[in-house]
Amino acid sequence: MKLPGWDRNRWILLLLALMGAVMLLLGGVLGKRDGAGASDYAGYLETRARALCLSIEGVEEAEVFLTLDEASGGAVQTGVFGDGAERASPSVRGIAVVCTGGDLPRVRATLTELLSAALAVPTNRIRVAGK
């Protein structure tokens, strides 16, 4: 196709500009997946931690909240999703548990040690409170 004043270089420049616009649009759409992935990961870990808490004698109900350390770049390799593939995932920064029996020293100590071992979180970053 010949247009007056449009040589081959202008067509190439137009094509590159269009490709750049498409890449920016796709980057914006695909970039939103990362936040959802971290949210899914946190939800998965909270569910597993809650199940651990409920397995302890004296705990009837439990709510678990964890904070992921995404900003520091402190990602660890893990195969936590059970598919055998290792992938980078944010590490856990802290855990808060509110549960029945959480005000008892024995239950609090057991939960703190269990969650520390299971999620590789120092015990000073785990808080357990009674309901």
C-alpha atoms as a PDB file:
ATOM      1  CA  MET A   1       0.000   0.000   0.000  1.00  0.00           C
ATOM      2  CA  LYS A   2       1.463   3.347  -1.072  1.00  0.00           C
ATOM      3  CA  LEU A   3       0.486   6.595   0.599  1.00  0.00           C
ATOM      4  CA  PRO A   4       1.998   9.876  -0.477  1.00  0.00           C
ATOM      5  CA  GLY A   5       4.890  10.777   1.835  1.00  0.00           C
ATOM      6  CA  TRP A   6       4.915   7.351   3.583  1.00  0.00           C
ATOM      7  CA  ASP A   7       8.118   5.511   2.892  1.00  0.00           C
ATOM      8  CA  ARG A   8       9.283   2.223   4.369  1.00  0.00           C
ATOM      9  CA  ASN A   9      10.902   3.849   7.451  1.00  0.00           C
ATOM     10  CA  ARG A  10       7.668   5.525   8.498  1.00  0.00           C
ATOM     11  CA  TRP A  11       5.763   2.234   8.248  1.00  0.00           C
ATOM     12  CA  ILE A  12       8.391   0.541  10.416  1.00  0.00           C
ATOM     13  CA  LEU A  13       8.193   3.366  12.955  1.00  0.00           C
ATOM     14  CA  LEU A  14       4.378   3.096  13.056  1.00  0.00           C
ATOM     15  CA  LEU A  15       4.574  -0.678  13.491  1.00  0.00           C
ATOM     16  CA  LEU A  16       7.066  -0.337  16.364  1.00  0.00           C
ATOM     17  CA  ALA A  17       4.881   2.267  18.064  1.00  0.00           C
ATOM     18  CA  LEU A  18       1.845  -0.020  17.830  1.00  0.00           C
ATOM     19  CA  MET A  19       3.835  -2.959  19.194  1.00  0.00           C
ATOM     20  CA  GLY A  20       4.998  -0.807  22.123  1.00  0.00           C
ATOM     21  CA  ALA A  21       1.415   0.238  22.902  1.00  0.00           C
ATOM     22  CA  VAL A  22       0.272  -3.393  22.862  1.00  0.00           C
ATOM     23  CA  MET A  23       3.126  -4.393  25.178  1.00  0.00           C
ATOM     24  CA  LEU A  24       2.215  -1.629  27.629  1.00  0.00           C
ATOM     25  CA  LEU A  25      -1.418  -2.724  27.653  1.00  0.00           C
ATOM     26  CA  LEU A  26      -0.526  -6.373  28.152  1.00  0.00           C
ATOM     27  CA  GLY A  27       1.993  -5.488  30.859  1.00  0.00           C
ATOM     28  CA  GLY A  28      -0.678  -3.617  32.786  1.00  0.00           C
ATOM     29  CA  VAL A  29      -3.156  -6.484  32.528  1.00  0.00           C
ATOM     30  CA  LEU A  30      -0.671  -9.260  33.274  1.00  0.00           C
ATOM     31  CA  GLY A  31       1.021  -7.282  36.039  1.00  0.00           C
ATOM     32  CA  LYS A  32      -2.194  -7.368  38.076  1.00  0.00           C
ATOM     33  CA  ARG A  33      -1.861 -11.128  38.459  1.00  0.00           C
ATOM     34  CA  ASP A  34       1.082 -10.788  40.853  1.00  0.00           C
ATOM     35  CA  GLY A  35      -1.018  -9.192  43.573  1.00  0.00           C
ATOM     36  CA  ALA A  36      -3.686 -11.844  43.220  1.00  0.00           C
ATOM     37  CA  GLY A  37      -1.036 -14.556  43.381  1.00  0.00           C
ATOM     38  CA  ALA A  38       0.336 -13.232  46.655  1.00  0.00           C
ATOM     39  CA  SER A  39      -3.179 -12.941  48.027  1.00  0.00           C
ATOM     40  CA  ASP A  40      -3.933 -16.534  47.019  1.00  0.00           C
ATOM     41  CA  TYR A  41      -0.679 -17.668  48.617  1.00  0.00           C
ATOM     42  CA  ALA A  42      -1.466 -15.844  51.865  1.00  0.00           C
ATOM     43  CA  GLY A  43      -4.965 -17.347  51.904  1.00  0.00           C
ATOM     44  CA  TYR A  44      -3.548 -20.811  51.342  1.00  0.00           C
ATOM     45  CA  LEU A  45      -1.073 -20.400  54.208  1.00  0.00           C
ATOM     46  CA  GLU A  46      -3.751 -18.990  56.511  1.00  0.00           C
ATOM     47  CA  THR A  47      -5.982 -21.988  55.791  1.00  0.00           C
ATOM     48  CA  ARG A  48      -3.157 -24.437  56.509  1.00  0.00           C
ATOM     49  CA  ALA A  49      -2.118 -22.569  59.686  1.00  0.00           C
ATOM     50  CA  ARG A  50      -5.738 -22.540  60.892  1.00  0.00           C
ATOM     51  CA  ALA A  51      -5.962 -26.301  60.357  1.00  0.00           C
ATOM     52  CA  LEU A  52      -2.789 -26.746  62.423  1.00  0.00           C
ATOM     53  CA  CYS A  53      -4.221 -24.596  65.201  1.00  0.00           C
ATOM     54  CA  LEU A  54      -7.471 -26.556  65.280  1.00  0.00           C
ATOM     55  CA  SER A  55      -5.533 -29.811  65.633  1.00  0.00           C
ATOM     56  CA  ILE A  56      -4.184 -28.711  69.028  1.00  0.00           C
ATOM     57  CA  GLU A  57      -5.997 -29.949  72.144  1.00  0.00           C
ATOM     58  CA  GLY A  58      -7.889 -27.090  73.765  1.00  0.00           C
ATOM     59  CA  VAL A  59      -8.465 -25.121  70.545  1.00  0.00           C
ATOM     60  CA  GLU A  60     -12.061 -25.252  69.296  1.00  0.00           C
ATOM     61  CA  GLU A  61     -12.150 -22.139  67.097  1.00  0.00           C
ATOM     62  CA  ALA A  62      -9.304 -20.230  65.466  1.00  0.00           C
ATOM     63  CA  GLU A  63      -8.729 -17.230  63.231  1.00  0.00           C
ATOM     64  CA  VAL A  64      -5.319 -16.757  61.600  1.00  0.00           C
ATOM     65  CA  PHE A  65      -3.866 -13.689  59.916  1.00  0.00           C
ATOM     66  CA  LEU A  66      -0.425 -13.563  58.348  1.00  0.00           C
ATOM     67  CA  THR A  67       1.661 -10.858  56.798  1.00  0.00           C
ATOM     68  CA  LEU A  68       3.873 -11.593  53.802  1.00  0.00           C
ATOM     69  CA  ASP A  69       7.237  -9.927  53.303  1.00  0.00           C
ATOM     70  CA  GLU A  70       6.869  -8.984  49.633  1.00  0.00           C
ATOM     71  CA  ALA A  71       8.556  -5.573  49.669  1.00  0.00           C
ATOM     72  CA  SER A  72      11.999  -6.607  50.870  1.00  0.00           C
ATOM     73  CA  GLY A  73      12.595  -9.060  48.047  1.00  0.00           C
ATOM     74  CA  GLY A  74      13.144 -11.778  50.635  1.00  0.00           C
ATOM     75  CA  ALA A  75      11.604 -14.501  48.500  1.00  0.00           C
ATOM     76  CA  VAL A  76      12.246 -18.126  49.333  1.00  0.00           C
ATOM     77  CA  GLN A  77      11.984 -21.181  47.131  1.00  0.00           C
ATOM     78  CA  THR A  78       9.141 -23.485  48.045  1.00  0.00           C
ATOM     79  CA  GLY A  79       7.079 -26.309  46.579  1.00  0.00           C
ATOM     80  CA  VAL A  80       4.190 -25.615  48.926  1.00  0.00           C
ATOM     81  CA  PHE A  81       1.432 -26.091  46.365  1.00  0.00           C
ATOM     82  CA  GLY A  82       2.173 -29.791  46.066  1.00  0.00           C
ATOM     83  CA  ASP A  83       2.727 -29.900  42.323  1.00  0.00           C
ATOM     84  CA  GLY A  84       6.410 -30.717  42.786  1.00  0.00           C
ATOM     85  CA  ALA A  85       7.530 -27.513  41.077  1.00  0.00           C
ATOM     86  CA  GLU A  86       9.612 -25.055  43.050  1.00  0.00           C
ATOM     87  CA  ARG A  87       8.788 -21.381  42.674  1.00  0.00           C
ATOM     88  CA  ALA A  88       9.630 -18.106  44.336  1.00  0.00           C
ATOM     89  CA  SER A  89       7.152 -17.116  47.032  1.00  0.00           C
ATOM     90  CA  PRO A  90       7.220 -14.305  49.558  1.00  0.00           C
ATOM     91  CA  SER A  91       8.275 -15.247  53.061  1.00  0.00           C
ATOM     92  CA  VAL A  92       5.983 -14.885  56.062  1.00  0.00           C
ATOM     93  CA  ARG A  93       6.733 -11.788  58.146  1.00  0.00           C
ATOM     94  CA  GLY A  94       4.370 -12.386  61.062  1.00  0.00           C
ATOM     95  CA  ILE A  95       1.405 -14.421  62.293  1.00  0.00           C
ATOM     96  CA  ALA A  96      -1.519 -13.473  64.525  1.00  0.00           C
ATOM     97  CA  VAL A  97      -3.838 -16.128  65.950  1.00  0.00           C
ATOM     98  CA  VAL A  98      -7.032 -15.581  67.911  1.00  0.00           C
ATOM     99  CA  CYS A  99      -8.428 -18.834  69.242  1.00  0.00           C
ATOM    100  CA  THR A 100     -10.269 -20.476  72.094  1.00  0.00           C
ATOM    101  CA  GLY A 101      -7.711 -21.495  74.670  1.00  0.00           C
ATOM    102  CA  GLY A 102      -5.215 -18.957  73.342  1.00  0.00           C
ATOM    103  CA  ASP A 103      -5.053 -17.307  76.759  1.00  0.00           C
ATOM    104  CA  LEU A 104      -3.739 -20.535  78.337  1.00  0.00           C
ATOM    105  CA  PRO A 105       0.082 -20.602  78.534  1.00  0.00           C
ATOM    106  CA  ARG A 106       0.325 -24.253  77.420  1.00  0.00           C
ATOM    107  CA  VAL A 107      -1.823 -23.678  74.302  1.00  0.00           C
ATOM    108  CA  ARG A 108      -0.048 -20.401  73.504  1.00  0.00           C
ATOM    109  CA  ALA A 109       3.400 -22.030  73.740  1.00  0.00           C
ATOM    110  CA  THR A 110       2.353 -25.042  71.673  1.00  0.00           C
ATOM    111  CA  LEU A 111       0.841 -22.905  68.922  1.00  0.00           C
ATOM    112  CA  THR A 112       3.831 -20.566  68.833  1.00  0.00           C
ATOM    113  CA  GLU A 113       6.332 -23.419  68.496  1.00  0.00           C
ATOM    114  CA  LEU A 114       4.185 -25.289  65.960  1.00  0.00           C
ATOM    115  CA  LEU A 115       3.660 -22.264  63.691  1.00  0.00           C
ATOM    116  CA  SER A 116       7.311 -21.269  63.989  1.00  0.00           C
ATOM    117  CA  ALA A 117       8.440 -24.695  62.854  1.00  0.00           C
ATOM    118  CA  ALA A 118       5.820 -25.076  60.120  1.00  0.00           C
ATOM    119  CA  LEU A 119       6.237 -21.651  58.510  1.00  0.00           C
ATOM    120  CA  ALA A 120       9.865 -20.821  59.414  1.00  0.00           C
ATOM    121  CA  VAL A 121       8.866 -17.700  61.333  1.00  0.00           C
ATOM    122  CA  PRO A 122      10.776 -16.633  64.471  1.00  0.00           C
ATOM    123  CA  THR A 123       8.718 -17.030  67.638  1.00  0.00           C
ATOM    124  CA  ASN A 124       8.962 -13.298  68.383  1.00  0.00           C
ATOM    125  CA  ARG A 125       6.860 -12.655  65.252  1.00  0.00           C
ATOM    126  CA  ILE A 126       3.980 -14.887  66.340  1.00  0.00           C
ATOM    127  CA  ARG A 127       1.191 -13.666  68.632  1.00  0.00           C
ATOM    128  CA  VAL A 128      -1.546 -15.846  70.083  1.00  0.00           C
ATOM    129  CA  ALA A 129      -4.573 -14.420  71.899  1.00  0.00           C
ATOM    130  CA  GLY A 130      -7.623 -16.008  73.495  1.00  0.00           C
ATOM    131  CA  LYS A 131     -11.160 -15.586  72.235  1.00  0.00           C
END
